[in-house]
Amino acid sequence: MDEFMLIMRHPDGSKIASPEQMQIWMKQTMDWIGGIAAQNKYVGGQGLLFDDARVITRHNVVTNGPFGDVAETIGGYTVVRAESIEEAVEFAKGCPVLQGEACSMEVRKLAKRG
């Protein structure tokens, strides 16, 4: 069984939603993760904050991030165990972040350690 990273791409929700809506989205996300964990396929994950981020480019140019001219950025990730990329994609399809108009999920197989 391999490990896959499910990468959540979305705008900063705090700029488009009330604190109450953010709580609803968080509960939906925790329920989604709970469903994966119930199958013993959840490895870990973490949300990423939008504040105080920096982007470093070639020649060590540093700009305020996490993004400049794009509408979305990586808002978090979840690592799952799956038999195939297709199974990992099925997990990603259930992510509540996909309810958003400009949101997407990226699924990538993790390189083997050691």
N, C-alpha and C. Protein backbone atom coordinates (compact mmCIF):
# COMPACT_ATOMS: atom_id res chain seq x y z
N MET A 1 0.85 -1.17 0.00
CA MET A 1 0.00 0.00 0.00
C MET A 1 0.90 1.24 0.00
N ASP A 2 0.55 2.22 -0.80
CA ASP A 2 1.34 3.45 -0.92
C ASP A 2 0.68 4.58 -0.15
N GLU A 3 1.44 5.66 0.03
CA GLU A 3 0.91 6.86 0.65
C GLU A 3 0.76 7.95 -0.40
N PHE A 4 -0.36 8.67 -0.31
CA PHE A 4 -0.66 9.75 -1.24
C PHE A 4 -0.98 11.02 -0.46
N MET A 5 -0.57 12.16 -1.01
CA MET A 5 -0.91 13.44 -0.42
C MET A 5 -2.07 14.03 -1.19
N LEU A 6 -3.14 14.38 -0.46
CA LEU A 6 -4.30 15.05 -1.04
C LEU A 6 -4.14 16.52 -0.70
N ILE A 7 -3.86 17.34 -1.69
CA ILE A 7 -3.53 18.74 -1.48
C ILE A 7 -4.75 19.60 -1.77
N MET A 8 -5.15 20.40 -0.78
CA MET A 8 -6.33 21.26 -0.91
C MET A 8 -5.90 22.63 -1.45
N ARG A 9 -6.49 23.00 -2.57
CA ARG A 9 -6.19 24.31 -3.17
C ARG A 9 -7.45 25.15 -3.11
N HIS A 10 -7.36 26.29 -2.45
CA HIS A 10 -8.53 27.15 -2.32
C HIS A 10 -8.12 28.55 -1.89
N PRO A 11 -9.02 29.52 -2.08
CA PRO A 11 -8.73 30.87 -1.59
C PRO A 11 -8.81 30.90 -0.07
N ASP A 12 -8.36 31.97 0.52
CA ASP A 12 -8.43 32.18 1.97
C ASP A 12 -9.90 32.31 2.36
N GLY A 13 -10.45 31.27 2.97
CA GLY A 13 -11.86 31.26 3.32
C GLY A 13 -12.28 32.37 4.25
N SER A 14 -11.37 32.84 5.11
CA SER A 14 -11.72 33.89 6.06
C SER A 14 -12.05 35.21 5.37
N LYS A 15 -11.66 35.35 4.11
CA LYS A 15 -11.97 36.58 3.37
C LYS A 15 -13.30 36.51 2.65
N ILE A 16 -13.91 35.30 2.59
CA ILE A 16 -15.16 35.16 1.84
C ILE A 16 -16.29 34.57 2.67
N ALA A 17 -16.00 34.22 3.93
CA ALA A 17 -17.02 33.53 4.74
C ALA A 17 -17.03 34.06 6.16
N SER A 18 -18.17 33.91 6.80
CA SER A 18 -18.32 34.31 8.20
C SER A 18 -17.62 33.27 9.09
N PRO A 19 -17.35 33.65 10.33
CA PRO A 19 -16.78 32.66 11.26
C PRO A 19 -17.69 31.44 11.42
N GLU A 20 -18.99 31.64 11.37
CA GLU A 20 -19.93 30.53 11.46
C GLU A 20 -19.78 29.58 10.28
N GLN A 21 -19.66 30.14 9.07
CA GLN A 21 -19.48 29.30 7.88
C GLN A 21 -18.14 28.57 7.94
N MET A 22 -17.12 29.24 8.45
CA MET A 22 -15.82 28.59 8.60
C MET A 22 -15.92 27.39 9.53
N GLN A 23 -16.70 27.51 10.61
CA GLN A 23 -16.91 26.40 11.54
C GLN A 23 -17.61 25.23 10.85
N ILE A 24 -18.60 25.54 10.02
CA ILE A 24 -19.31 24.49 9.28
C ILE A 24 -18.34 23.76 8.36
N TRP A 25 -17.52 24.51 7.63
CA TRP A 25 -16.55 23.90 6.73
C TRP A 25 -15.55 23.04 7.51
N MET A 26 -15.12 23.53 8.67
CA MET A 26 -14.17 22.77 9.47
C MET A 26 -14.79 21.45 9.94
N LYS A 27 -16.03 21.47 10.38
CA LYS A 27 -16.71 20.24 10.81
C LYS A 27 -16.84 19.27 9.64
N GLN A 28 -17.22 19.78 8.46
CA GLN A 28 -17.33 18.92 7.29
C GLN A 28 -15.98 18.26 6.98
N THR A 29 -14.92 19.04 7.09
CA THR A 29 -13.59 18.51 6.81
C THR A 29 -13.20 17.45 7.84
N MET A 30 -13.48 17.71 9.11
CA MET A 30 -13.16 16.73 10.15
C MET A 30 -13.98 15.45 9.96
N ASP A 31 -15.24 15.57 9.54
CA ASP A 31 -16.06 14.39 9.26
C ASP A 31 -15.48 13.59 8.09
N TRP A 32 -15.02 14.31 7.05
CA TRP A 32 -14.40 13.66 5.88
C TRP A 32 -13.15 12.89 6.31
N ILE A 33 -12.30 13.53 7.10
CA ILE A 33 -11.09 12.88 7.60
C ILE A 33 -11.46 11.68 8.47
N GLY A 34 -12.50 11.84 9.29
CA GLY A 34 -12.95 10.74 10.14
C GLY A 34 -13.37 9.52 9.33
N GLY A 35 -14.00 9.76 8.18
CA GLY A 35 -14.40 8.65 7.31
C GLY A 35 -13.21 7.90 6.75
N ILE A 36 -12.15 8.63 6.43
CA ILE A 36 -10.92 7.98 5.94
C ILE A 36 -10.25 7.23 7.09
N ALA A 37 -10.21 7.85 8.27
CA ALA A 37 -9.59 7.23 9.44
C ALA A 37 -10.34 5.95 9.83
N ALA A 38 -11.65 5.94 9.68
CA ALA A 38 -12.46 4.76 10.01
C ALA A 38 -12.07 3.56 9.15
N GLN A 39 -11.48 3.82 7.98
CA GLN A 39 -11.01 2.76 7.09
C GLN A 39 -9.54 2.41 7.35
N ASN A 40 -8.98 3.05 8.39
CA ASN A 40 -7.58 2.87 8.75
C ASN A 40 -6.64 3.26 7.61
N LYS A 41 -7.00 4.34 6.90
CA LYS A 41 -6.18 4.77 5.76
C LYS A 41 -5.69 6.21 5.93
N TYR A 42 -6.02 6.83 7.05
CA TYR A 42 -5.56 8.20 7.33
C TYR A 42 -4.18 8.14 7.95
N VAL A 43 -3.23 8.88 7.38
CA VAL A 43 -1.87 8.92 7.89
C VAL A 43 -1.65 10.20 8.69
N GLY A 44 -2.12 11.33 8.17
CA GLY A 44 -1.93 12.61 8.85
C GLY A 44 -2.32 13.74 7.93
N GLY A 45 -2.14 14.94 8.42
CA GLY A 45 -2.45 16.11 7.61
C GLY A 45 -2.37 17.36 8.44
N GLN A 46 -2.51 18.49 7.78
CA GLN A 46 -2.39 19.76 8.47
C GLN A 46 -2.96 20.86 7.58
N GLY A 47 -3.63 21.81 8.20
CA GLY A 47 -4.02 23.01 7.49
C GLY A 47 -2.83 23.95 7.43
N LEU A 48 -2.81 24.80 6.45
CA LEU A 48 -1.74 25.78 6.31
C LEU A 48 -2.35 27.17 6.42
N LEU A 49 -1.74 28.03 7.23
CA LEU A 49 -2.25 29.38 7.41
C LEU A 49 -1.89 30.27 6.23
N PHE A 50 -2.73 31.24 5.99
CA PHE A 50 -2.51 32.18 4.89
C PHE A 50 -1.70 33.40 5.35
N ASP A 51 -1.71 33.67 6.64
CA ASP A 51 -1.00 34.84 7.17
C ASP A 51 0.49 34.56 7.31
N ASP A 52 1.28 35.61 7.18
CA ASP A 52 2.72 35.56 7.42
C ASP A 52 3.44 34.50 6.59
N ALA A 53 3.02 34.31 5.36
CA ALA A 53 3.71 33.38 4.46
C ALA A 53 4.65 34.17 3.55
N ARG A 54 5.64 33.51 3.04
CA ARG A 54 6.59 34.12 2.11
C ARG A 54 6.82 33.17 0.95
N VAL A 55 7.11 33.74 -0.21
CA VAL A 55 7.48 32.97 -1.39
C VAL A 55 8.90 33.37 -1.78
N ILE A 56 9.77 32.39 -1.91
CA ILE A 56 11.15 32.64 -2.29
C ILE A 56 11.34 32.09 -3.69
N THR A 57 11.81 32.94 -4.59
CA THR A 57 12.02 32.54 -5.97
C THR A 57 13.52 32.56 -6.28
N ARG A 58 13.81 32.27 -7.51
CA ARG A 58 15.20 32.24 -7.97
C ARG A 58 15.91 33.54 -7.59
N HIS A 59 17.15 33.47 -7.33
CA HIS A 59 17.98 34.61 -6.92
C HIS A 59 17.55 35.14 -5.57
N ASN A 60 16.90 34.29 -4.78
CA ASN A 60 16.50 34.61 -3.41
C ASN A 60 15.62 35.85 -3.30
N VAL A 61 14.75 36.06 -4.27
CA VAL A 61 13.77 37.13 -4.19
C VAL A 61 12.64 36.65 -3.28
N VAL A 62 12.35 37.41 -2.23
CA VAL A 62 11.34 37.04 -1.25
C VAL A 62 10.16 38.00 -1.36
N THR A 63 8.97 37.45 -1.50
CA THR A 63 7.76 38.27 -1.54
C THR A 63 6.77 37.75 -0.50
N ASN A 64 5.84 38.61 -0.12
CA ASN A 64 4.79 38.17 0.78
C ASN A 64 3.94 37.15 0.05
N GLY A 65 3.57 36.12 0.72
CA GLY A 65 2.79 35.06 0.10
C GLY A 65 1.52 34.86 0.87
N PRO A 66 0.88 33.75 0.65
CA PRO A 66 1.39 32.60 -0.06
C PRO A 66 1.24 32.68 -1.56
N PHE A 67 0.60 33.71 -2.08
CA PHE A 67 0.45 33.80 -3.53
C PHE A 67 0.43 35.27 -3.92
N GLY A 68 0.69 35.52 -5.17
CA GLY A 68 0.68 36.89 -5.67
C GLY A 68 -0.53 37.17 -6.52
N ASP A 69 -0.54 36.60 -7.71
CA ASP A 69 -1.58 36.95 -8.68
C ASP A 69 -2.53 35.79 -8.96
N VAL A 70 -2.59 34.81 -8.07
CA VAL A 70 -3.50 33.69 -8.28
C VAL A 70 -4.62 33.73 -7.26
N ALA A 71 -5.75 33.12 -7.58
CA ALA A 71 -6.91 33.16 -6.71
C ALA A 71 -6.89 32.06 -5.65
N GLU A 72 -6.02 31.09 -5.82
CA GLU A 72 -6.00 29.98 -4.87
C GLU A 72 -4.57 29.66 -4.48
N THR A 73 -4.43 28.97 -3.38
CA THR A 73 -3.13 28.47 -2.96
C THR A 73 -3.36 27.20 -2.16
N ILE A 74 -2.31 26.58 -1.72
CA ILE A 74 -2.46 25.37 -0.92
C ILE A 74 -2.92 25.76 0.47
N GLY A 75 -4.08 25.25 0.86
CA GLY A 75 -4.65 25.57 2.16
C GLY A 75 -4.45 24.48 3.18
N GLY A 76 -3.99 23.32 2.75
CA GLY A 76 -3.76 22.21 3.65
C GLY A 76 -3.55 20.92 2.89
N TYR A 77 -3.27 19.88 3.62
CA TYR A 77 -3.05 18.59 2.97
C TYR A 77 -3.46 17.47 3.92
N THR A 78 -3.74 16.34 3.33
CA THR A 78 -4.05 15.12 4.06
C THR A 78 -3.26 13.99 3.41
N VAL A 79 -2.64 13.16 4.22
CA VAL A 79 -1.90 12.01 3.70
C VAL A 79 -2.71 10.76 4.02
N VAL A 80 -2.92 9.95 2.98
CA VAL A 80 -3.71 8.72 3.12
C VAL A 80 -2.92 7.52 2.59
N ARG A 81 -3.29 6.35 3.07
CA ARG A 81 -2.78 5.10 2.51
C ARG A 81 -3.82 4.62 1.51
N ALA A 82 -3.37 4.18 0.35
CA ALA A 82 -4.31 3.71 -0.67
C ALA A 82 -3.63 2.63 -1.51
N GLU A 83 -4.46 1.75 -2.05
CA GLU A 83 -3.96 0.68 -2.92
C GLU A 83 -3.53 1.21 -4.28
N SER A 84 -4.09 2.37 -4.68
CA SER A 84 -3.80 2.91 -6.01
C SER A 84 -4.10 4.41 -6.04
N ILE A 85 -3.64 5.07 -7.09
CA ILE A 85 -3.96 6.49 -7.28
C ILE A 85 -5.47 6.66 -7.41
N GLU A 86 -6.13 5.69 -8.02
CA GLU A 86 -7.58 5.78 -8.19
C GLU A 86 -8.30 5.80 -6.85
N GLU A 87 -7.84 4.98 -5.89
CA GLU A 87 -8.45 4.98 -4.57
C GLU A 87 -8.20 6.31 -3.87
N ALA A 88 -6.99 6.85 -4.00
CA ALA A 88 -6.67 8.15 -3.40
C ALA A 88 -7.53 9.26 -4.01
N VAL A 89 -7.76 9.19 -5.32
CA VAL A 89 -8.63 10.17 -6.00
C VAL A 89 -10.05 10.08 -5.44
N GLU A 90 -10.53 8.88 -5.18
CA GLU A 90 -11.87 8.73 -4.61
C GLU A 90 -11.95 9.39 -3.24
N PHE A 91 -10.90 9.26 -2.42
CA PHE A 91 -10.88 9.98 -1.15
C PHE A 91 -10.95 11.49 -1.40
N ALA A 92 -10.15 11.98 -2.33
CA ALA A 92 -10.10 13.42 -2.62
C ALA A 92 -11.45 13.94 -3.10
N LYS A 93 -12.16 13.16 -3.88
CA LYS A 93 -13.47 13.58 -4.39
C LYS A 93 -14.46 13.88 -3.27
N GLY A 94 -14.25 13.28 -2.10
CA GLY A 94 -15.16 13.50 -0.97
C GLY A 94 -14.82 14.72 -0.13
N CYS A 95 -13.73 15.41 -0.45
CA CYS A 95 -13.30 16.55 0.38
C CYS A 95 -14.27 17.72 0.25
N PRO A 96 -14.72 18.26 1.38
CA PRO A 96 -15.66 19.39 1.35
C PRO A 96 -15.10 20.64 0.67
N VAL A 97 -13.79 20.76 0.56
CA VAL A 97 -13.22 21.94 -0.08
C VAL A 97 -13.71 22.07 -1.52
N LEU A 98 -14.10 20.96 -2.13
CA LEU A 98 -14.55 20.98 -3.53
C LEU A 98 -15.91 21.66 -3.70
N GLN A 99 -16.56 22.04 -2.60
CA GLN A 99 -17.81 22.79 -2.70
C GLN A 99 -17.57 24.21 -3.21
N GLY A 100 -16.36 24.71 -3.04
CA GLY A 100 -16.04 26.08 -3.44
C GLY A 100 -15.83 26.22 -4.93
N GLU A 101 -16.25 27.33 -5.45
CA GLU A 101 -16.18 27.60 -6.89
C GLU A 101 -14.75 27.52 -7.44
N ALA A 102 -13.79 28.11 -6.74
CA ALA A 102 -12.42 28.17 -7.25
C ALA A 102 -11.51 27.18 -6.54
N CYS A 103 -12.06 26.06 -6.08
CA CYS A 103 -11.30 25.12 -5.28
C CYS A 103 -10.98 23.85 -6.06
N SER A 104 -9.90 23.20 -5.67
CA SER A 104 -9.53 21.95 -6.32
C SER A 104 -8.71 21.11 -5.35
N MET A 105 -8.53 19.87 -5.73
CA MET A 105 -7.69 18.94 -4.98
C MET A 105 -6.63 18.40 -5.94
N GLU A 106 -5.44 18.22 -5.41
CA GLU A 106 -4.36 17.60 -6.18
C GLU A 106 -3.96 16.34 -5.43
N VAL A 107 -3.77 15.24 -6.14
CA VAL A 107 -3.40 13.97 -5.54
C VAL A 107 -2.02 13.59 -6.07
N ARG A 108 -1.08 13.35 -5.12
CA ARG A 108 0.28 12.98 -5.53
C ARG A 108 0.80 11.85 -4.67
N LYS A 109 1.43 10.91 -5.31
CA LYS A 109 2.03 9.79 -4.59
C LYS A 109 3.29 10.30 -3.90
N LEU A 110 3.47 9.91 -2.64
CA LEU A 110 4.66 10.31 -1.91
C LEU A 110 5.83 9.40 -2.28
N ALA A 111 7.00 10.00 -2.37
CA ALA A 111 8.21 9.21 -2.64
C ALA A 111 8.47 8.31 -1.43
N LYS A 112 8.97 7.14 -1.70
CA LYS A 112 9.29 6.20 -0.62
C LYS A 112 10.46 6.75 0.20
N ARG A 113 10.36 6.56 1.52
CA ARG A 113 11.43 7.01 2.40
C ARG A 113 12.47 5.92 2.52
N GLY A 114 13.74 6.37 2.60
CA GLY A 114 14.85 5.47 2.85
C GLY A 114 14.94 4.41 1.88
